[in-house]
Amino acid sequence: MATRTHQTKADRQLDRLVRRGRRIDELTQQADAATAELRRINRQRTRKAVA
């Protein structure tokens, strides 16, 4: 952004939203991975309890 000195308010807001969106995507991926891991652990526990 060094080349563009003047940035409108709308440009700044858009940049902020894009960054926030990327962060949300990142956190969603982490949450999905954690959920999958917990499901896997629970499945193993259930199998052991049944066996």
Protein backbone atom coordinates (compact mmCIF):
# COMPACT_ATOMS: atom_id res chain seq x y z
CA MET A 1 0.00 0.00 0.00
CA ALA A 2 3.04 2.29 -0.05
CA THR A 3 2.31 3.33 -3.62
CA ARG A 4 -1.18 4.62 -2.83
CA THR A 5 -0.96 7.43 -0.33
CA HIS A 6 -4.62 8.44 -0.46
CA GLN A 7 -7.15 5.85 0.60
CA THR A 8 -10.85 6.54 0.86
CA LYS A 9 -12.83 5.55 3.93
CA ALA A 10 -14.60 2.88 1.85
CA ASP A 11 -11.24 1.40 0.79
CA ARG A 12 -10.11 1.19 4.40
CA GLN A 13 -13.38 -0.42 5.48
CA LEU A 14 -13.16 -2.95 2.66
CA ASP A 15 -9.57 -3.82 3.59
CA ARG A 16 -10.61 -4.30 7.20
CA LEU A 17 -13.51 -6.57 6.21
CA VAL A 18 -11.30 -8.66 3.92
CA ARG A 19 -8.74 -9.12 6.71
CA ARG A 20 -11.47 -10.01 9.18
CA GLY A 21 -12.94 -12.50 6.70
CA ARG A 22 -9.57 -14.20 6.28
CA ARG A 23 -9.15 -14.40 10.04
CA ILE A 24 -12.61 -15.92 10.42
CA ASP A 25 -11.79 -18.51 7.72
CA GLU A 26 -8.59 -19.38 9.57
CA LEU A 27 -10.39 -19.80 12.90
CA THR A 28 -13.17 -21.82 11.26
CA GLN A 29 -10.60 -24.24 9.83
CA GLN A 30 -8.99 -24.62 13.26
CA ALA A 31 -12.38 -25.24 14.87
CA ASP A 32 -13.29 -27.84 12.22
CA ALA A 33 -9.99 -29.63 12.79
CA ALA A 34 -10.51 -29.64 16.56
CA THR A 35 -14.08 -30.94 16.15
CA ALA A 36 -12.89 -33.75 13.88
CA GLU A 37 -10.21 -34.69 16.42
CA LEU A 38 -12.74 -34.79 19.28
CA ARG A 39 -15.12 -36.94 17.22
CA ARG A 40 -12.28 -39.36 16.48
CA ILE A 41 -11.37 -39.58 20.18
CA ASN A 42 -15.01 -40.11 21.17
CA ARG A 43 -15.40 -42.85 18.57
CA GLN A 44 -12.38 -44.67 20.02
CA ARG A 45 -13.76 -44.35 23.55
CA THR A 46 -17.16 -45.64 22.44
CA ARG A 47 -15.56 -48.67 20.79
CA LYS A 48 -13.57 -49.44 23.94
CA ALA A 49 -16.69 -49.12 26.11
CA VAL A 50 -18.67 -51.47 23.85
CA ALA A 51 -15.85 -54.03 23.57
